[in-house]
Amino acid sequence: MVRRAGNRRADKSTLDDPMDPSEETLEWCRGLVNMLADGAVWCIPRSGSMFRVNKQAKTLTLIPTKGTSDAAQGDFEATKIVFAKIGWRVIDSSERVS
């Protein structure tokens, strides 16, 4: 899920439903990948999840870290769903990619 300061929905939550992200959230994601350099690492602080950016392939690759928390797994799944909506693939580097 993606959180943006000041982005509050009518129900006062700050997190979009990853299955139905707002257009503002999708724009934030587009801005993020546009801002980051190819090969950069993006981190989600609340879970410690880190992703390597590949602009040519339009992929975010999860970088393995020690241990996996429920928050990290949730962030990975939500990131995968939301970024797919803007044409990016999110992959786990420990999985085989075809």
N, C-alpha and C. Protein backbone atom coordinates (compact mmCIF):
# COMPACT_ATOMS: atom_id res chain seq x y z
N MET A 1 0.83 -1.17 0.00
CA MET A 1 0.00 0.00 0.00
C MET A 1 0.88 1.23 0.00
N VAL A 2 0.36 2.27 -0.54
CA VAL A 2 1.13 3.48 -0.65
C VAL A 2 0.47 4.55 0.20
N ARG A 3 1.27 5.23 1.00
CA ARG A 3 0.76 6.30 1.84
C ARG A 3 1.38 7.60 1.37
N ARG A 4 0.60 8.64 1.36
CA ARG A 4 1.11 9.95 0.97
C ARG A 4 0.63 10.95 2.00
N ALA A 5 1.54 11.75 2.49
CA ALA A 5 1.18 12.75 3.49
C ALA A 5 0.04 13.61 2.96
N GLY A 6 -0.97 13.78 3.77
CA GLY A 6 -2.09 14.62 3.39
C GLY A 6 -3.10 13.95 2.47
N ASN A 7 -2.85 12.71 2.07
CA ASN A 7 -3.78 12.00 1.19
C ASN A 7 -4.74 11.20 2.05
N ARG A 8 -5.84 11.81 2.41
CA ARG A 8 -6.81 11.12 3.25
C ARG A 8 -8.09 10.91 2.45
N ARG A 9 -8.57 9.70 2.50
CA ARG A 9 -9.83 9.39 1.83
C ARG A 9 -10.98 9.83 2.72
N ALA A 10 -12.18 9.76 2.21
CA ALA A 10 -13.36 10.20 2.95
C ALA A 10 -13.50 9.48 4.29
N ASP A 11 -13.03 8.23 4.35
CA ASP A 11 -13.14 7.48 5.61
C ASP A 11 -11.97 7.78 6.55
N LYS A 12 -11.16 8.77 6.21
CA LYS A 12 -10.03 9.27 7.00
C LYS A 12 -8.84 8.33 7.05
N SER A 13 -8.84 7.24 6.31
CA SER A 13 -7.68 6.36 6.27
C SER A 13 -6.62 6.99 5.38
N THR A 14 -5.35 6.62 5.61
CA THR A 14 -4.28 7.15 4.77
C THR A 14 -3.80 6.11 3.78
N LEU A 15 -4.33 4.91 3.84
CA LEU A 15 -3.88 3.84 2.95
C LEU A 15 -4.98 3.47 1.98
N ASP A 16 -4.61 3.42 0.73
CA ASP A 16 -5.55 2.95 -0.29
C ASP A 16 -5.68 1.44 -0.21
N ASP A 17 -6.80 0.95 -0.69
CA ASP A 17 -6.96 -0.48 -0.90
C ASP A 17 -6.10 -0.83 -2.11
N PRO A 18 -5.11 -1.75 -1.97
CA PRO A 18 -4.23 -2.03 -3.11
C PRO A 18 -4.99 -2.58 -4.32
N MET A 19 -6.16 -3.15 -4.11
CA MET A 19 -6.94 -3.65 -5.24
C MET A 19 -7.63 -2.51 -5.98
N ASP A 20 -7.75 -1.35 -5.33
CA ASP A 20 -8.43 -0.20 -5.93
C ASP A 20 -7.73 1.09 -5.52
N PRO A 21 -6.46 1.27 -5.95
CA PRO A 21 -5.74 2.48 -5.56
C PRO A 21 -6.33 3.71 -6.23
N SER A 22 -6.24 4.83 -5.53
CA SER A 22 -6.74 6.08 -6.10
C SER A 22 -5.83 6.55 -7.23
N GLU A 23 -6.35 7.42 -8.07
CA GLU A 23 -5.54 7.99 -9.14
C GLU A 23 -4.37 8.77 -8.56
N GLU A 24 -4.58 9.41 -7.42
CA GLU A 24 -3.50 10.14 -6.75
C GLU A 24 -2.37 9.20 -6.34
N THR A 25 -2.72 8.03 -5.85
CA THR A 25 -1.71 7.03 -5.48
C THR A 25 -0.95 6.57 -6.72
N LEU A 26 -1.66 6.32 -7.81
CA LEU A 26 -1.00 5.89 -9.04
C LEU A 26 -0.06 6.97 -9.57
N GLU A 27 -0.48 8.23 -9.47
CA GLU A 27 0.39 9.34 -9.89
C GLU A 27 1.63 9.42 -9.00
N TRP A 28 1.45 9.17 -7.70
CA TRP A 28 2.60 9.17 -6.77
C TRP A 28 3.59 8.08 -7.19
N CYS A 29 3.09 6.91 -7.53
CA CYS A 29 3.95 5.80 -7.96
C CYS A 29 4.68 6.15 -9.25
N ARG A 30 3.97 6.74 -10.21
CA ARG A 30 4.62 7.17 -11.46
C ARG A 30 5.72 8.19 -11.17
N GLY A 31 5.41 9.14 -10.30
CA GLY A 31 6.40 10.15 -9.93
C GLY A 31 7.61 9.54 -9.25
N LEU A 32 7.37 8.55 -8.41
CA LEU A 32 8.48 7.88 -7.71
C LEU A 32 9.43 7.23 -8.70
N VAL A 33 8.92 6.41 -9.61
CA VAL A 33 9.81 5.72 -10.54
C VAL A 33 10.45 6.69 -11.53
N ASN A 34 9.77 7.78 -11.85
CA ASN A 34 10.38 8.79 -12.72
C ASN A 34 11.52 9.52 -12.02
N MET A 35 11.38 9.73 -10.72
CA MET A 35 12.37 10.46 -9.95
C MET A 35 13.62 9.62 -9.67
N LEU A 36 13.44 8.33 -9.46
CA LEU A 36 14.57 7.46 -9.11
C LEU A 36 15.42 7.15 -10.33
N ALA A 37 16.72 7.08 -10.10
CA ALA A 37 17.65 6.72 -11.17
C ALA A 37 17.57 5.22 -11.43
N ASP A 38 17.90 4.82 -12.66
CA ASP A 38 17.98 3.40 -12.97
C ASP A 38 19.02 2.77 -12.05
N GLY A 39 18.67 1.67 -11.42
CA GLY A 39 19.58 1.00 -10.49
C GLY A 39 19.46 1.48 -9.06
N ALA A 40 18.65 2.51 -8.82
CA ALA A 40 18.45 3.03 -7.47
C ALA A 40 17.75 1.99 -6.60
N VAL A 41 17.84 2.20 -5.29
CA VAL A 41 17.13 1.35 -4.33
C VAL A 41 16.08 2.19 -3.65
N TRP A 42 14.85 1.68 -3.64
CA TRP A 42 13.72 2.34 -2.96
C TRP A 42 13.39 1.50 -1.74
N CYS A 43 13.20 2.16 -0.60
CA CYS A 43 12.91 1.46 0.65
C CYS A 43 11.56 1.91 1.19
N ILE A 44 10.79 0.94 1.71
CA ILE A 44 9.56 1.23 2.43
C ILE A 44 9.92 1.14 3.91
N PRO A 45 10.05 2.27 4.59
CA PRO A 45 10.57 2.27 5.97
C PRO A 45 9.79 1.42 6.97
N ARG A 46 8.46 1.40 6.89
CA ARG A 46 7.69 0.69 7.93
C ARG A 46 7.99 -0.80 7.97
N SER A 47 8.39 -1.37 6.82
CA SER A 47 8.64 -2.82 6.80
C SER A 47 10.10 -3.14 6.50
N GLY A 48 10.86 -2.13 6.07
CA GLY A 48 12.25 -2.37 5.70
C GLY A 48 12.39 -3.02 4.33
N SER A 49 11.30 -3.11 3.58
CA SER A 49 11.37 -3.70 2.24
C SER A 49 12.16 -2.78 1.32
N MET A 50 13.07 -3.37 0.53
CA MET A 50 13.88 -2.60 -0.39
C MET A 50 13.76 -3.20 -1.78
N PHE A 51 13.68 -2.31 -2.78
CA PHE A 51 13.50 -2.73 -4.16
C PHE A 51 14.54 -2.04 -5.04
N ARG A 52 15.15 -2.79 -5.97
CA ARG A 52 16.06 -2.22 -6.96
C ARG A 52 15.24 -1.85 -8.19
N VAL A 53 15.46 -0.64 -8.71
CA VAL A 53 14.71 -0.11 -9.85
C VAL A 53 15.44 -0.43 -11.15
N ASN A 54 14.71 -1.02 -12.10
CA ASN A 54 15.24 -1.24 -13.45
C ASN A 54 14.27 -0.56 -14.41
N LYS A 55 14.64 0.64 -14.85
CA LYS A 55 13.74 1.43 -15.69
C LYS A 55 13.53 0.81 -17.07
N GLN A 56 14.58 0.22 -17.64
CA GLN A 56 14.46 -0.36 -18.98
C GLN A 56 13.46 -1.52 -18.97
N ALA A 57 13.56 -2.39 -17.97
CA ALA A 57 12.66 -3.54 -17.88
C ALA A 57 11.35 -3.21 -17.16
N LYS A 58 11.28 -2.01 -16.58
CA LYS A 58 10.13 -1.59 -15.77
C LYS A 58 9.85 -2.60 -14.67
N THR A 59 10.92 -2.87 -13.88
CA THR A 59 10.77 -3.80 -12.76
C THR A 59 11.28 -3.18 -11.46
N LEU A 60 10.67 -3.60 -10.38
CA LEU A 60 11.15 -3.34 -9.03
C LEU A 60 11.46 -4.72 -8.46
N THR A 61 12.73 -4.95 -8.11
CA THR A 61 13.13 -6.27 -7.62
C THR A 61 13.38 -6.20 -6.13
N LEU A 62 12.66 -7.03 -5.38
CA LEU A 62 12.82 -7.08 -3.93
C LEU A 62 14.22 -7.55 -3.59
N ILE A 63 14.89 -6.80 -2.74
CA ILE A 63 16.24 -7.15 -2.29
C ILE A 63 16.09 -7.94 -0.98
N PRO A 64 16.68 -9.13 -0.91
CA PRO A 64 16.55 -9.94 0.30
C PRO A 64 17.15 -9.23 1.52
N THR A 65 16.47 -9.33 2.65
CA THR A 65 16.97 -8.81 3.92
C THR A 65 16.80 -9.90 4.97
N LYS A 66 17.38 -9.68 6.13
CA LYS A 66 17.26 -10.68 7.20
C LYS A 66 15.83 -10.77 7.68
N GLY A 67 15.31 -11.98 7.70
CA GLY A 67 13.96 -12.20 8.20
C GLY A 67 12.91 -11.57 7.31
N THR A 68 11.71 -12.07 7.42
CA THR A 68 10.59 -11.51 6.67
C THR A 68 9.44 -11.33 7.64
N SER A 69 9.01 -10.11 7.80
CA SER A 69 7.90 -9.84 8.71
C SER A 69 6.58 -9.90 7.94
N ASP A 70 5.50 -9.95 8.68
CA ASP A 70 4.18 -9.89 8.04
C ASP A 70 4.02 -8.57 7.30
N ALA A 71 4.56 -7.49 7.89
CA ALA A 71 4.48 -6.17 7.25
C ALA A 71 5.23 -6.18 5.93
N ALA A 72 6.41 -6.81 5.90
CA ALA A 72 7.19 -6.86 4.66
C ALA A 72 6.45 -7.66 3.59
N GLN A 73 5.86 -8.78 3.97
CA GLN A 73 5.12 -9.59 3.00
C GLN A 73 3.91 -8.82 2.48
N GLY A 74 3.22 -8.12 3.39
CA GLY A 74 2.07 -7.33 2.99
C GLY A 74 2.46 -6.19 2.06
N ASP A 75 3.57 -5.51 2.36
CA ASP A 75 4.05 -4.43 1.50
C ASP A 75 4.45 -4.96 0.13
N PHE A 76 5.09 -6.14 0.09
CA PHE A 76 5.48 -6.73 -1.19
C PHE A 76 4.25 -7.00 -2.05
N GLU A 77 3.26 -7.64 -1.46
CA GLU A 77 2.04 -7.99 -2.22
C GLU A 77 1.30 -6.74 -2.69
N ALA A 78 1.18 -5.75 -1.82
CA ALA A 78 0.48 -4.52 -2.19
C ALA A 78 1.25 -3.76 -3.27
N THR A 79 2.57 -3.70 -3.14
CA THR A 79 3.41 -3.01 -4.12
C THR A 79 3.28 -3.69 -5.47
N LYS A 80 3.25 -5.01 -5.46
CA LYS A 80 3.10 -5.79 -6.70
C LYS A 80 1.80 -5.43 -7.42
N ILE A 81 0.73 -5.34 -6.69
CA ILE A 81 -0.58 -5.05 -7.27
C ILE A 81 -0.65 -3.61 -7.78
N VAL A 82 -0.24 -2.66 -6.94
CA VAL A 82 -0.36 -1.25 -7.28
C VAL A 82 0.54 -0.88 -8.46
N PHE A 83 1.80 -1.33 -8.44
CA PHE A 83 2.71 -0.96 -9.52
C PHE A 83 2.34 -1.65 -10.84
N ALA A 84 1.70 -2.80 -10.77
CA ALA A 84 1.22 -3.45 -12.00
C ALA A 84 0.22 -2.55 -12.72
N LYS A 85 -0.53 -1.78 -11.95
CA LYS A 85 -1.53 -0.88 -12.54
C LYS A 85 -0.91 0.27 -13.32
N ILE A 86 0.40 0.53 -13.11
CA ILE A 86 1.08 1.57 -13.90
C ILE A 86 2.11 0.94 -14.86
N GLY A 87 2.00 -0.38 -15.05
CA GLY A 87 2.83 -1.05 -16.05
C GLY A 87 4.19 -1.53 -15.56
N TRP A 88 4.37 -1.61 -14.25
CA TRP A 88 5.63 -2.09 -13.69
C TRP A 88 5.41 -3.45 -13.06
N ARG A 89 6.45 -4.29 -13.16
CA ARG A 89 6.41 -5.63 -12.56
C ARG A 89 7.26 -5.61 -11.30
N VAL A 90 6.74 -6.17 -10.22
CA VAL A 90 7.46 -6.28 -8.95
C VAL A 90 7.79 -7.75 -8.75
N ILE A 91 9.08 -8.03 -8.58
CA ILE A 91 9.51 -9.43 -8.47
C ILE A 91 10.33 -9.64 -7.21
N ASP A 92 10.29 -10.85 -6.73
CA ASP A 92 11.09 -11.28 -5.58
C ASP A 92 12.36 -11.89 -6.14
N SER A 93 13.52 -11.36 -5.78
CA SER A 93 14.78 -11.82 -6.36
C SER A 93 15.09 -13.28 -6.01
N SER A 94 14.40 -13.83 -5.01
CA SER A 94 14.65 -15.22 -4.65
C SER A 94 13.83 -16.18 -5.51
N GLU A 95 12.89 -15.64 -6.30
CA GLU A 95 12.07 -16.47 -7.19
C GLU A 95 12.68 -16.50 -8.58
N ARG A 96 12.48 -17.57 -9.29
CA ARG A 96 12.95 -17.65 -10.69
C ARG A 96 12.05 -16.79 -11.55
N VAL A 97 12.65 -16.03 -12.42
CA VAL A 97 11.88 -15.15 -13.31
C VAL A 97 11.93 -15.75 -14.72
N SER A 98 10.75 -15.88 -15.34
CA SER A 98 10.70 -16.45 -16.69
C SER A 98 10.58 -15.35 -17.73
